Amino acid sequence: MTKPKFRRYTFIPILTINASKTAQLLDINRNTINHWYMIFRKAIYVHQMKEFDKMIEEAEVDESYFGAKRVCGFKGKLKRGRGTLKQPVFGILKRDGRVYTEIIPNCKKKTLQAIIKGKIDKSAIIYSDGWRGYDGLVDVGYDKHFRVNHGKNEFARGNGIHINGIENFWSFTKRRLAKFNGVKEYFELHLKESEWRYGKNCDTLKKELWKIYKLYIKL
């Protein structure tokens, strides 16, 4: 693919338009658009998995839940938040804006601590809410762990103790996925794309995508 043609294809993904609208706008077959969207997203996924080093300094941690409001075949009342039938995702935000996310089977302490120990250096300052899954971080070496108690309507304390950054990321991601009807397929690819997009303007995204394309896709 030549550089001018590449630019024509990559401009639209940056604008977050779905494949059907992109096909109409560019007058290109939708299957072709889907093909290139998948190539871009897989390249972004590889890039993001390599991009995130072990965190030092300050990190915010939180979980969120993704999926339909109703689950096919489920007759009971769905819960909100923890205990829901939705897919849990764990997130870490470094306070320089970078984000790491991971799809998880549950939000138990063992699950969350395993990721934290793998991704956050013990010298780092960790901010979380009061969820019991974060209990015991001090006992495994994270002696600078600060919490806000959302259950008591506490969303920030003095000295920068909050998790507003990672919560803003969840809001950004859910608004983006809503444009794609919640993304029933390739959820992890869209999740990593949201990591990559978060906090960047259009010009930065276009420049980075060209670099990612050259690094991870054979021209």
N, C-alpha and C. Protein backbone atom coordinates (compact mmCIF):
# COMPACT_ATOMS: atom_id res chain seq x y z
N MET A 1 0.84 -1.19 0.00
CA MET A 1 0.00 0.00 0.00
C MET A 1 0.88 1.24 0.00
N THR A 2 0.62 2.18 -0.88
CA THR A 2 1.40 3.41 -0.93
C THR A 2 1.01 4.34 0.21
N LYS A 3 1.91 5.27 0.52
CA LYS A 3 1.65 6.19 1.62
C LYS A 3 0.40 7.03 1.40
N PRO A 4 0.16 7.63 0.21
CA PRO A 4 -1.07 8.40 0.03
C PRO A 4 -2.33 7.57 0.24
N LYS A 5 -2.31 6.32 -0.28
CA LYS A 5 -3.48 5.45 -0.10
C LYS A 5 -3.66 5.10 1.37
N PHE A 6 -2.54 4.86 2.05
CA PHE A 6 -2.62 4.57 3.49
C PHE A 6 -3.26 5.73 4.23
N ARG A 7 -2.82 6.95 3.90
CA ARG A 7 -3.39 8.12 4.57
C ARG A 7 -4.89 8.21 4.36
N ARG A 8 -5.36 7.84 3.19
CA ARG A 8 -6.79 7.89 2.89
C ARG A 8 -7.57 6.94 3.79
N TYR A 9 -7.01 5.76 4.02
CA TYR A 9 -7.67 4.78 4.88
C TYR A 9 -7.58 5.14 6.35
N THR A 10 -6.43 5.67 6.79
CA THR A 10 -6.24 5.89 8.22
C THR A 10 -6.91 7.15 8.73
N PHE A 11 -7.23 8.09 7.87
CA PHE A 11 -7.86 9.33 8.32
C PHE A 11 -9.21 9.04 8.98
N ILE A 12 -9.98 8.13 8.42
CA ILE A 12 -11.31 7.85 8.93
C ILE A 12 -11.29 7.14 10.29
N PRO A 13 -10.46 6.10 10.49
CA PRO A 13 -10.43 5.50 11.82
C PRO A 13 -10.11 6.50 12.93
N ILE A 14 -9.26 7.47 12.63
CA ILE A 14 -8.92 8.49 13.61
C ILE A 14 -10.16 9.28 14.02
N LEU A 15 -11.08 9.44 13.08
CA LEU A 15 -12.31 10.19 13.36
C LEU A 15 -13.39 9.33 14.01
N THR A 16 -13.08 8.08 14.28
CA THR A 16 -13.96 7.15 15.02
C THR A 16 -15.30 6.93 14.34
N ILE A 17 -15.29 6.80 13.05
CA ILE A 17 -16.51 6.48 12.30
C ILE A 17 -16.54 4.99 12.04
N ASN A 18 -17.73 4.37 12.16
CA ASN A 18 -17.79 2.92 11.98
C ASN A 18 -17.62 2.54 10.50
N ALA A 19 -17.47 1.24 10.26
CA ALA A 19 -17.12 0.76 8.92
C ALA A 19 -18.19 1.10 7.87
N SER A 20 -19.46 1.00 8.24
CA SER A 20 -20.53 1.28 7.27
C SER A 20 -20.49 2.72 6.79
N LYS A 21 -20.34 3.66 7.72
CA LYS A 21 -20.29 5.07 7.34
C LYS A 21 -19.01 5.39 6.58
N THR A 22 -17.92 4.73 6.98
CA THR A 22 -16.66 4.94 6.28
C THR A 22 -16.75 4.47 4.83
N ALA A 23 -17.37 3.31 4.63
CA ALA A 23 -17.53 2.78 3.27
C ALA A 23 -18.33 3.74 2.40
N GLN A 24 -19.39 4.32 2.96
CA GLN A 24 -20.19 5.28 2.21
C GLN A 24 -19.41 6.54 1.90
N LEU A 25 -18.67 7.02 2.89
CA LEU A 25 -17.94 8.27 2.74
C LEU A 25 -16.83 8.16 1.70
N LEU A 26 -16.12 7.04 1.69
CA LEU A 26 -14.99 6.85 0.79
C LEU A 26 -15.38 6.14 -0.50
N ASP A 27 -16.63 5.67 -0.56
CA ASP A 27 -17.09 4.90 -1.72
C ASP A 27 -16.19 3.68 -1.95
N ILE A 28 -15.96 2.94 -0.86
CA ILE A 28 -15.15 1.73 -0.89
C ILE A 28 -15.98 0.60 -0.30
N ASN A 29 -15.79 -0.59 -0.78
CA ASN A 29 -16.53 -1.75 -0.28
C ASN A 29 -16.35 -1.90 1.22
N ARG A 30 -17.45 -2.20 1.91
CA ARG A 30 -17.38 -2.31 3.37
C ARG A 30 -16.44 -3.42 3.82
N ASN A 31 -16.38 -4.51 3.08
CA ASN A 31 -15.48 -5.60 3.46
C ASN A 31 -14.02 -5.14 3.42
N THR A 32 -13.71 -4.27 2.48
CA THR A 32 -12.35 -3.72 2.41
C THR A 32 -12.06 -2.85 3.63
N ILE A 33 -13.03 -2.03 3.99
CA ILE A 33 -12.87 -1.18 5.17
C ILE A 33 -12.69 -2.03 6.42
N ASN A 34 -13.54 -3.05 6.58
CA ASN A 34 -13.42 -3.95 7.74
C ASN A 34 -12.06 -4.61 7.79
N HIS A 35 -11.57 -5.01 6.63
CA HIS A 35 -10.26 -5.65 6.54
C HIS A 35 -9.16 -4.73 7.07
N TRP A 36 -9.18 -3.46 6.66
CA TRP A 36 -8.14 -2.53 7.09
C TRP A 36 -8.34 -2.07 8.52
N TYR A 37 -9.57 -1.92 8.94
CA TYR A 37 -9.81 -1.60 10.35
C TYR A 37 -9.21 -2.68 11.24
N MET A 38 -9.40 -3.94 10.85
CA MET A 38 -8.87 -5.04 11.65
C MET A 38 -7.35 -5.01 11.67
N ILE A 39 -6.73 -4.71 10.55
CA ILE A 39 -5.27 -4.61 10.49
C ILE A 39 -4.78 -3.51 11.43
N PHE A 40 -5.41 -2.34 11.37
CA PHE A 40 -5.01 -1.23 12.24
C PHE A 40 -5.16 -1.61 13.71
N ARG A 41 -6.30 -2.22 14.05
CA ARG A 41 -6.56 -2.53 15.46
C ARG A 41 -5.61 -3.60 16.00
N LYS A 42 -5.29 -4.58 15.17
CA LYS A 42 -4.32 -5.59 15.61
C LYS A 42 -2.94 -4.99 15.81
N ALA A 43 -2.56 -4.05 14.94
CA ALA A 43 -1.26 -3.39 15.09
C ALA A 43 -1.24 -2.53 16.36
N ILE A 44 -2.33 -1.83 16.63
CA ILE A 44 -2.43 -1.03 17.85
C ILE A 44 -2.37 -1.93 19.08
N TYR A 45 -3.03 -3.08 19.01
CA TYR A 45 -3.01 -4.03 20.12
C TYR A 45 -1.58 -4.47 20.44
N VAL A 46 -0.83 -4.85 19.42
CA VAL A 46 0.56 -5.28 19.61
C VAL A 46 1.38 -4.14 20.21
N HIS A 47 1.19 -2.95 19.67
CA HIS A 47 1.90 -1.78 20.16
C HIS A 47 1.62 -1.53 21.64
N GLN A 48 0.36 -1.56 22.02
CA GLN A 48 -0.02 -1.29 23.41
C GLN A 48 0.52 -2.35 24.37
N MET A 49 0.53 -3.59 23.95
CA MET A 49 1.03 -4.66 24.81
C MET A 49 2.53 -4.50 25.07
N LYS A 50 3.25 -3.92 24.11
CA LYS A 50 4.69 -3.70 24.28
C LYS A 50 5.00 -2.37 24.94
N GLU A 51 4.06 -1.45 24.88
CA GLU A 51 4.29 -0.07 25.31
C GLU A 51 4.36 0.07 26.82
N PHE A 52 3.62 -0.74 27.53
CA PHE A 52 3.42 -0.50 28.96
C PHE A 52 4.50 -1.19 29.79
N ASP A 53 5.43 -0.41 30.34
CA ASP A 53 6.44 -0.94 31.24
C ASP A 53 5.91 -0.91 32.67
N LYS A 54 6.68 -1.50 33.57
CA LYS A 54 6.26 -1.52 34.97
C LYS A 54 6.20 -0.09 35.51
N MET A 55 5.10 0.24 36.16
CA MET A 55 4.87 1.60 36.61
C MET A 55 5.66 1.94 37.86
N ILE A 56 6.19 3.15 37.84
CA ILE A 56 6.75 3.74 39.05
C ILE A 56 6.01 5.05 39.27
N GLU A 57 6.35 5.76 40.32
CA GLU A 57 5.73 7.04 40.66
C GLU A 57 4.28 6.85 41.11
N GLU A 58 3.27 7.34 40.35
CA GLU A 58 1.89 7.33 40.83
C GLU A 58 0.98 6.57 39.88
N ALA A 59 0.12 5.73 40.44
CA ALA A 59 -0.79 4.93 39.63
C ALA A 59 -2.18 4.89 40.26
N GLU A 60 -3.20 5.01 39.41
CA GLU A 60 -4.58 4.83 39.85
C GLU A 60 -5.08 3.48 39.36
N VAL A 61 -5.77 2.74 40.21
CA VAL A 61 -6.30 1.43 39.83
C VAL A 61 -7.81 1.40 40.05
N ASP A 62 -8.50 0.68 39.18
CA ASP A 62 -9.96 0.59 39.28
C ASP A 62 -10.44 -0.52 38.36
N GLU A 63 -11.67 -0.95 38.56
CA GLU A 63 -12.29 -1.91 37.65
C GLU A 63 -13.55 -1.28 37.07
N SER A 64 -13.96 -1.80 35.91
CA SER A 64 -15.22 -1.37 35.32
C SER A 64 -15.85 -2.58 34.65
N TYR A 65 -17.09 -2.39 34.18
CA TYR A 65 -17.87 -3.52 33.67
C TYR A 65 -18.48 -3.15 32.33
N PHE A 66 -18.37 -4.08 31.39
CA PHE A 66 -18.81 -3.82 30.03
C PHE A 66 -19.77 -4.93 29.58
N GLY A 67 -20.75 -4.54 28.77
CA GLY A 67 -21.68 -5.53 28.24
C GLY A 67 -23.09 -4.98 28.17
N ALA A 68 -23.99 -5.81 27.64
CA ALA A 68 -25.38 -5.40 27.46
C ALA A 68 -26.08 -5.24 28.80
N LYS A 69 -27.09 -4.37 28.80
CA LYS A 69 -27.88 -4.19 30.02
C LYS A 69 -28.68 -5.45 30.36
N ARG A 70 -29.09 -6.17 29.32
CA ARG A 70 -29.81 -7.42 29.53
C ARG A 70 -29.01 -8.55 28.93
N VAL A 71 -29.01 -9.69 29.56
CA VAL A 71 -28.29 -10.87 29.09
C VAL A 71 -29.29 -11.90 28.59
N CYS A 72 -29.12 -12.37 27.35
CA CYS A 72 -30.04 -13.32 26.75
C CYS A 72 -30.20 -14.56 27.61
N GLY A 73 -31.44 -14.92 27.94
CA GLY A 73 -31.71 -16.12 28.71
C GLY A 73 -31.68 -15.93 30.21
N PHE A 74 -31.24 -14.75 30.67
CA PHE A 74 -31.17 -14.51 32.11
C PHE A 74 -32.47 -13.87 32.57
N LYS A 75 -33.13 -14.51 33.55
CA LYS A 75 -34.47 -14.08 33.98
C LYS A 75 -34.44 -13.19 35.21
N GLY A 76 -33.34 -13.23 35.98
CA GLY A 76 -33.29 -12.49 37.22
C GLY A 76 -32.99 -11.02 37.03
N LYS A 77 -32.90 -10.32 38.13
CA LYS A 77 -32.59 -8.89 38.11
C LYS A 77 -31.08 -8.71 38.09
N LEU A 78 -30.58 -7.98 37.10
CA LEU A 78 -29.14 -7.75 37.00
C LEU A 78 -28.67 -6.74 38.04
N LYS A 79 -27.50 -6.99 38.59
CA LYS A 79 -26.91 -6.07 39.55
C LYS A 79 -26.13 -5.00 38.81
N ARG A 80 -25.85 -3.94 39.52
CA ARG A 80 -24.98 -2.90 38.98
C ARG A 80 -23.60 -3.07 39.60
N GLY A 81 -22.56 -2.78 38.81
CA GLY A 81 -21.21 -2.82 39.35
C GLY A 81 -20.76 -4.22 39.71
N ARG A 82 -20.06 -4.36 40.83
CA ARG A 82 -19.53 -5.65 41.23
C ARG A 82 -20.67 -6.63 41.51
N GLY A 83 -20.55 -7.84 41.00
CA GLY A 83 -21.60 -8.83 41.12
C GLY A 83 -22.48 -8.90 39.88
N THR A 84 -22.26 -8.02 38.91
CA THR A 84 -23.03 -8.02 37.68
C THR A 84 -22.63 -9.20 36.79
N LEU A 85 -23.46 -9.49 35.76
CA LEU A 85 -23.11 -10.49 34.77
C LEU A 85 -22.26 -9.90 33.65
N LYS A 86 -22.00 -8.62 33.70
CA LYS A 86 -21.19 -7.99 32.67
C LYS A 86 -19.71 -8.41 32.79
N GLN A 87 -18.94 -8.10 31.75
CA GLN A 87 -17.53 -8.45 31.72
C GLN A 87 -16.70 -7.47 32.55
N PRO A 88 -15.99 -7.95 33.58
CA PRO A 88 -15.12 -7.04 34.34
C PRO A 88 -13.80 -6.78 33.62
N VAL A 89 -13.34 -5.55 33.74
CA VAL A 89 -12.05 -5.15 33.17
C VAL A 89 -11.30 -4.38 34.25
N PHE A 90 -10.02 -4.69 34.41
CA PHE A 90 -9.19 -3.99 35.38
C PHE A 90 -8.33 -2.96 34.65
N GLY A 91 -8.17 -1.79 35.26
CA GLY A 91 -7.39 -0.74 34.62
C GLY A 91 -6.39 -0.09 35.56
N ILE A 92 -5.26 0.29 35.01
CA ILE A 92 -4.23 1.04 35.73
C ILE A 92 -3.93 2.29 34.92
N LEU A 93 -3.98 3.44 35.55
CA LEU A 93 -3.62 4.68 34.88
C LEU A 93 -2.40 5.28 35.55
N LYS A 94 -1.36 5.48 34.76
CA LYS A 94 -0.19 6.20 35.23
C LYS A 94 -0.49 7.68 35.08
N ARG A 95 -0.13 8.46 36.05
CA ARG A 95 -0.54 9.86 36.04
C ARG A 95 0.22 10.72 35.04
N ASP A 96 0.79 10.09 34.02
CA ASP A 96 1.23 10.83 32.83
C ASP A 96 0.26 10.62 31.69
N GLY A 97 -0.86 9.90 31.98
CA GLY A 97 -1.91 9.70 30.99
C GLY A 97 -1.96 8.31 30.39
N ARG A 98 -0.90 7.50 30.52
CA ARG A 98 -0.91 6.16 29.93
C ARG A 98 -1.80 5.22 30.72
N VAL A 99 -2.44 4.31 30.00
CA VAL A 99 -3.38 3.39 30.62
C VAL A 99 -3.05 1.96 30.22
N TYR A 100 -3.23 1.03 31.16
CA TYR A 100 -3.15 -0.40 30.87
C TYR A 100 -4.46 -1.03 31.31
N THR A 101 -5.05 -1.86 30.45
CA THR A 101 -6.28 -2.57 30.81
C THR A 101 -6.12 -4.06 30.61
N GLU A 102 -6.88 -4.81 31.35
CA GLU A 102 -6.83 -6.27 31.20
C GLU A 102 -8.22 -6.85 31.52
N ILE A 103 -8.71 -7.69 30.64
CA ILE A 103 -9.96 -8.40 30.88
C ILE A 103 -9.72 -9.46 31.95
N ILE A 104 -10.58 -9.50 32.96
CA ILE A 104 -10.35 -10.39 34.09
C ILE A 104 -11.58 -11.26 34.35
N PRO A 105 -11.38 -12.43 34.98
CA PRO A 105 -12.53 -13.31 35.25
C PRO A 105 -13.37 -12.84 36.42
N ASN A 106 -12.76 -12.09 37.35
CA ASN A 106 -13.46 -11.61 38.54
C ASN A 106 -12.65 -10.48 39.17
N CYS A 107 -13.21 -9.87 40.21
CA CYS A 107 -12.54 -8.75 40.86
C CYS A 107 -12.07 -9.12 42.27
N LYS A 108 -11.70 -10.37 42.44
CA LYS A 108 -11.22 -10.82 43.74
C LYS A 108 -9.81 -10.31 44.00
N LYS A 109 -9.44 -10.29 45.27
CA LYS A 109 -8.13 -9.77 45.67
C LYS A 109 -6.99 -10.51 44.97
N LYS A 110 -7.07 -11.81 44.88
CA LYS A 110 -6.01 -12.60 44.26
C LYS A 110 -5.80 -12.19 42.80
N THR A 111 -6.89 -11.98 42.09
CA THR A 111 -6.83 -11.59 40.68
C THR A 111 -6.20 -10.21 40.51
N LEU A 112 -6.68 -9.24 41.30
CA LEU A 112 -6.21 -7.87 41.16
C LEU A 112 -4.76 -7.72 41.62
N GLN A 113 -4.42 -8.38 42.72
CA GLN A 113 -3.05 -8.27 43.22
C GLN A 113 -2.03 -8.86 42.25
N ALA A 114 -2.40 -9.93 41.56
CA ALA A 114 -1.47 -10.54 40.60
C ALA A 114 -1.11 -9.56 39.49
N ILE A 115 -2.10 -8.81 39.01
CA ILE A 115 -1.84 -7.83 37.94
C ILE A 115 -1.05 -6.65 38.49
N ILE A 116 -1.44 -6.18 39.66
CA ILE A 116 -0.74 -5.05 40.27
C ILE A 116 0.74 -5.37 40.48
N LYS A 117 1.02 -6.56 40.99
CA LYS A 117 2.42 -6.94 41.24
C LYS A 117 3.21 -7.07 39.95
N GLY A 118 2.52 -7.41 38.86
CA GLY A 118 3.20 -7.53 37.59
C GLY A 118 3.40 -6.22 36.86
N LYS A 119 2.57 -5.22 37.16
CA LYS A 119 2.58 -3.97 36.39
C LYS A 119 2.99 -2.73 37.18
N ILE A 120 3.01 -2.80 38.50
CA ILE A 120 3.32 -1.62 39.30
C ILE A 120 4.49 -1.92 40.23
N ASP A 121 5.51 -1.09 40.15
CA ASP A 121 6.68 -1.23 41.02
C ASP A 121 6.29 -0.94 42.46
N LYS A 122 6.94 -1.62 43.40
CA LYS A 122 6.58 -1.44 44.81
C LYS A 122 6.97 -0.08 45.37
N SER A 123 7.75 0.67 44.61
CA SER A 123 8.08 2.03 45.04
C SER A 123 6.98 3.03 44.69
N ALA A 124 6.02 2.61 43.89
CA ALA A 124 4.98 3.52 43.39
C ALA A 124 3.96 3.86 44.46
N ILE A 125 3.29 4.99 44.26
CA ILE A 125 2.13 5.36 45.07
C ILE A 125 0.89 4.86 44.33
N ILE A 126 0.02 4.13 45.04
CA ILE A 126 -1.18 3.57 44.43
C ILE A 126 -2.41 4.25 45.03
N TYR A 127 -3.34 4.62 44.15
CA TYR A 127 -4.61 5.18 44.57
C TYR A 127 -5.73 4.24 44.11
N SER A 128 -6.66 3.95 45.01
CA SER A 128 -7.79 3.08 44.66
C SER A 128 -9.03 3.54 45.42
N ASP A 129 -10.15 2.88 45.12
CA ASP A 129 -11.32 3.08 45.95
C ASP A 129 -11.28 2.07 47.11
N GLY A 130 -12.39 1.92 47.81
CA GLY A 130 -12.39 1.09 49.01
C GLY A 130 -12.74 -0.36 48.79
N TRP A 131 -12.79 -0.82 47.55
CA TRP A 131 -13.14 -2.21 47.25
C TRP A 131 -12.20 -3.18 47.97
N ARG A 132 -12.77 -4.24 48.55
CA ARG A 132 -11.98 -5.18 49.35
C ARG A 132 -10.94 -5.93 48.52
N GLY A 133 -11.09 -5.91 47.21
CA GLY A 133 -10.08 -6.54 46.36
C GLY A 133 -8.73 -5.86 46.46
N TYR A 134 -8.71 -4.63 47.00
CA TYR A 134 -7.44 -3.91 47.17
C TYR A 134 -6.90 -4.02 48.60
N ASP A 135 -7.61 -4.76 49.44
CA ASP A 135 -7.11 -4.97 50.80
C ASP A 135 -5.78 -5.74 50.74
N GLY A 136 -4.89 -5.42 51.64
CA GLY A 136 -3.66 -6.19 51.77
C GLY A 136 -2.52 -5.77 50.86
N LEU A 137 -2.66 -4.68 50.10
CA LEU A 137 -1.56 -4.26 49.25
C LEU A 137 -0.33 -3.86 50.07
N VAL A 138 -0.57 -3.27 51.21
CA VAL A 138 0.55 -2.92 52.10
C VAL A 138 1.29 -4.17 52.53
N ASP A 139 0.56 -5.25 52.77
CA ASP A 139 1.17 -6.50 53.24
C ASP A 139 2.07 -7.14 52.19
N VAL A 140 1.85 -6.81 50.90
CA VAL A 140 2.70 -7.41 49.84
C VAL A 140 3.71 -6.38 49.31
N GLY A 141 3.94 -5.33 50.08
CA GLY A 141 5.03 -4.42 49.75
C GLY A 141 4.66 -3.05 49.24
N TYR A 142 3.37 -2.78 49.03
CA TYR A 142 2.95 -1.47 48.54
C TYR A 142 2.53 -0.61 49.74
N ASP A 143 3.53 0.00 50.37
CA ASP A 143 3.26 0.71 51.62
C ASP A 143 2.76 2.14 51.41
N LYS A 144 2.63 2.54 50.12
CA LYS A 144 2.06 3.86 49.81
C LYS A 144 0.77 3.66 49.03
N HIS A 145 -0.23 3.14 49.73
CA HIS A 145 -1.53 2.86 49.12
C HIS A 145 -2.57 3.75 49.79
N PHE A 146 -3.22 4.60 48.97
CA PHE A 146 -4.21 5.54 49.50
C PHE A 146 -5.56 5.28 48.84
N ARG A 147 -6.64 5.44 49.61
CA ARG A 147 -7.97 5.05 49.13
C ARG A 147 -8.97 6.17 49.31
N VAL A 148 -9.97 6.18 48.41
CA VAL A 148 -11.16 7.02 48.61
C VAL A 148 -12.34 6.08 48.78
N ASN A 149 -13.25 6.46 49.62
CA ASN A 149 -14.39 5.62 49.95
C ASN A 149 -15.63 6.08 49.19
N HIS A 150 -15.85 5.50 48.02
CA HIS A 150 -17.02 5.89 47.22
C HIS A 150 -18.33 5.54 47.91
N GLY A 151 -18.29 4.50 48.75
CA GLY A 151 -19.50 4.10 49.46
C GLY A 151 -20.01 5.17 50.40
N LYS A 152 -19.13 6.06 50.80
CA LYS A 152 -19.51 7.18 51.67
C LYS A 152 -19.50 8.50 50.90
N ASN A 153 -19.66 8.39 49.56
CA ASN A 153 -19.69 9.56 48.69
C ASN A 153 -18.41 10.39 48.78
N GLU A 154 -17.31 9.71 49.00
CA GLU A 154 -16.01 10.38 49.03
C GLU A 154 -15.32 10.11 47.70
N PHE A 155 -15.06 11.14 46.93
CA PHE A 155 -14.48 10.96 45.60
C PHE A 155 -13.09 11.58 45.48
N ALA A 156 -12.69 12.35 46.48
CA ALA A 156 -11.35 12.91 46.47
C ALA A 156 -10.99 13.36 47.88
N ARG A 157 -9.71 13.21 48.20
CA ARG A 157 -9.19 13.72 49.46
C ARG A 157 -8.02 14.63 49.15
N GLY A 158 -7.47 15.26 50.16
CA GLY A 158 -6.35 16.16 49.95
C GLY A 158 -5.12 15.44 49.41
N ASN A 159 -4.16 16.24 48.94
CA ASN A 159 -2.88 15.73 48.46
C ASN A 159 -3.03 14.80 47.25
N GLY A 160 -4.04 15.07 46.40
CA GLY A 160 -4.17 14.32 45.16
C GLY A 160 -4.68 12.90 45.31
N ILE A 161 -5.35 12.60 46.40
CA ILE A 161 -5.86 11.25 46.61
C ILE A 161 -7.23 11.12 45.93
N HIS A 162 -7.24 10.53 44.74
CA HIS A 162 -8.46 10.32 43.96
C HIS A 162 -8.14 9.32 42.85
N ILE A 163 -9.17 8.85 42.18
CA ILE A 163 -8.98 7.99 41.00
C ILE A 163 -9.77 8.57 39.83
N ASN A 164 -9.79 9.89 39.75
CA ASN A 164 -10.55 10.56 38.69
C ASN A 164 -10.02 10.24 37.31
N GLY A 165 -8.70 10.06 37.19
CA GLY A 165 -8.11 9.78 35.89
C GLY A 165 -8.59 8.49 35.28
N ILE A 166 -8.52 7.40 36.04
CA ILE A 166 -8.95 6.10 35.50
C ILE A 166 -10.46 6.08 35.31
N GLU A 167 -11.21 6.78 36.16
CA GLU A 167 -12.66 6.84 35.97
C GLU A 167 -13.01 7.63 34.71
N ASN A 168 -12.25 8.67 34.42
CA ASN A 168 -12.46 9.41 33.16
C ASN A 168 -12.18 8.51 31.96
N PHE A 169 -11.16 7.66 32.09
CA PHE A 169 -10.85 6.73 31.00
C PHE A 169 -12.01 5.78 30.77
N TRP A 170 -12.60 5.23 31.83
CA TRP A 170 -13.75 4.32 31.66
C TRP A 170 -14.89 5.03 30.92
N SER A 171 -15.16 6.28 31.32
CA SER A 171 -16.24 7.03 30.67
C SER A 171 -15.94 7.24 29.19
N PHE A 172 -14.70 7.62 28.89
CA PHE A 172 -14.27 7.81 27.51
C PHE A 172 -14.46 6.53 26.70
N THR A 173 -14.05 5.40 27.25
CA THR A 173 -14.12 4.12 26.55
C THR A 173 -15.56 3.70 26.30
N LYS A 174 -16.40 3.86 27.28
CA LYS A 174 -17.80 3.45 27.11
C LYS A 174 -18.53 4.34 26.10
N ARG A 175 -18.22 5.62 26.09
CA ARG A 175 -18.81 6.50 25.07
C ARG A 175 -18.35 6.08 23.68
N ARG A 176 -17.08 5.75 23.57
CA ARG A 176 -16.55 5.34 22.27
C ARG A 176 -17.17 4.02 21.81
N LEU A 177 -17.25 3.03 22.69
CA LEU A 177 -17.79 1.73 22.30
C LEU A 177 -19.28 1.82 21.97
N ALA A 178 -19.97 2.78 22.57
CA ALA A 178 -21.40 2.95 22.27
C ALA A 178 -21.61 3.29 20.80
N LYS A 179 -20.62 3.93 20.17
CA LYS A 179 -20.72 4.26 18.75
C LYS A 179 -20.68 3.00 17.89
N PHE A 180 -20.14 1.93 18.45
CA PHE A 180 -20.03 0.66 17.74
C PHE A 180 -21.00 -0.37 18.31
N ASN A 181 -22.10 0.13 18.91
CA ASN A 181 -23.15 -0.72 19.48
C ASN A 181 -22.61 -1.67 20.54
N GLY A 182 -21.65 -1.19 21.34
CA GLY A 182 -21.15 -1.97 22.46
C GLY A 182 -20.06 -2.96 22.12
N VAL A 183 -19.78 -3.19 20.84
CA VAL A 183 -18.71 -4.08 20.37
C VAL A 183 -18.85 -5.48 20.96
N LYS A 184 -19.67 -6.30 20.31
CA LYS A 184 -19.84 -7.68 20.75
C LYS A 184 -18.67 -8.56 20.34
N GLU A 185 -18.02 -8.19 19.23
CA GLU A 185 -16.86 -8.95 18.76
C GLU A 185 -15.59 -8.13 18.91
N TYR A 186 -14.49 -8.80 19.12
CA TYR A 186 -13.18 -8.16 19.18
C TYR A 186 -13.12 -7.09 20.27
N PHE A 187 -13.75 -7.37 21.38
CA PHE A 187 -13.81 -6.40 22.47
C PHE A 187 -12.41 -5.99 22.92
N GLU A 188 -11.51 -6.96 23.05
CA GLU A 188 -10.16 -6.65 23.56
C GLU A 188 -9.41 -5.72 22.62
N LEU A 189 -9.61 -5.89 21.30
CA LEU A 189 -8.96 -4.99 20.35
C LEU A 189 -9.46 -3.56 20.52
N HIS A 190 -10.76 -3.41 20.70
CA HIS A 190 -11.33 -2.07 20.89
C HIS A 190 -10.87 -1.47 22.23
N LEU A 191 -10.71 -2.32 23.23
CA LEU A 191 -10.25 -1.86 24.54
C LEU A 191 -8.84 -1.29 24.43
N LYS A 192 -7.96 -2.02 23.75
CA LYS A 192 -6.59 -1.56 23.58
C LYS A 192 -6.53 -0.31 22.70
N GLU A 193 -7.43 -0.23 21.74
CA GLU A 193 -7.49 0.98 20.92
C GLU A 193 -7.88 2.18 21.76
N SER A 194 -8.79 1.98 22.71
CA SER A 194 -9.19 3.07 23.60
C SER A 194 -8.03 3.50 24.49
N GLU A 195 -7.24 2.54 24.97
CA GLU A 195 -6.01 2.88 25.70
C GLU A 195 -5.14 3.83 24.88
N TRP A 196 -4.93 3.43 23.65
CA TRP A 196 -4.04 4.18 22.76
C TRP A 196 -4.59 5.57 22.46
N ARG A 197 -5.88 5.69 22.26
CA ARG A 197 -6.49 6.96 21.89
C ARG A 197 -6.58 7.94 23.05
N TYR A 198 -6.67 7.44 24.26
CA TYR A 198 -7.05 8.27 25.40
C TYR A 198 -6.11 9.47 25.59
N GLY A 199 -6.69 10.66 25.65
CA GLY A 199 -5.94 11.87 25.94
C GLY A 199 -5.13 12.43 24.79
N LYS A 200 -5.29 11.89 23.58
CA LYS A 200 -4.50 12.36 22.44
C LYS A 200 -5.39 13.07 21.43
N ASN A 201 -4.84 14.09 20.79
CA ASN A 201 -5.62 14.79 19.77
C ASN A 201 -5.48 14.07 18.42
N CYS A 202 -6.25 14.54 17.44
CA CYS A 202 -6.32 13.86 16.15
C CYS A 202 -4.97 13.84 15.43
N ASP A 203 -4.25 14.95 15.47
CA ASP A 203 -2.95 15.01 14.79
C ASP A 203 -1.96 14.01 15.39
N THR A 204 -1.94 13.92 16.71
CA THR A 204 -1.05 12.98 17.38
C THR A 204 -1.40 11.54 17.01
N LEU A 205 -2.69 11.23 16.98
CA LEU A 205 -3.14 9.89 16.64
C LEU A 205 -2.74 9.51 15.22
N LYS A 206 -2.88 10.43 14.29
CA LYS A 206 -2.52 10.14 12.89
C LYS A 206 -1.03 9.86 12.76
N LYS A 207 -0.21 10.67 13.42
CA LYS A 207 1.24 10.47 13.35
C LYS A 207 1.63 9.13 13.99
N GLU A 208 1.05 8.84 15.14
CA GLU A 208 1.39 7.59 15.83
C GLU A 208 0.94 6.37 15.04
N LEU A 209 -0.24 6.45 14.41
CA LEU A 209 -0.74 5.30 13.68
C LEU A 209 0.15 4.97 12.49
N TRP A 210 0.68 5.99 11.84
CA TRP A 210 1.59 5.75 10.73
C TRP A 210 2.86 5.04 11.21
N LYS A 211 3.38 5.46 12.38
CA LYS A 211 4.56 4.81 12.95
C LYS A 211 4.26 3.36 13.35
N ILE A 212 3.10 3.16 13.95
CA ILE A 212 2.69 1.80 14.35
C ILE A 212 2.56 0.90 13.13
N TYR A 213 1.97 1.44 12.07
CA TYR A 213 1.79 0.68 10.85
C TYR A 213 3.14 0.22 10.31
N LYS A 214 4.11 1.11 10.28
CA LYS A 214 5.43 0.77 9.75
C LYS A 214 6.17 -0.23 10.62
N LEU A 215 5.93 -0.16 11.94
CA LEU A 215 6.63 -1.06 12.86
C LEU A 215 6.06 -2.48 12.86
N TYR A 216 4.74 -2.59 12.79
CA TYR A 216 4.10 -3.88 13.03
C TYR A 216 3.42 -4.51 11.84
N ILE A 217 3.40 -3.81 10.70
CA ILE A 217 2.78 -4.37 9.51
C ILE A 217 3.78 -4.32 8.37
N LYS A 218 3.92 -5.43 7.66
CA LYS A 218 4.85 -5.48 6.54
C LYS A 218 4.29 -4.66 5.37
N LEU A 219 5.07 -3.67 4.94
CA LEU A 219 4.62 -2.82 3.83
C LEU A 219 4.81 -3.56 2.50
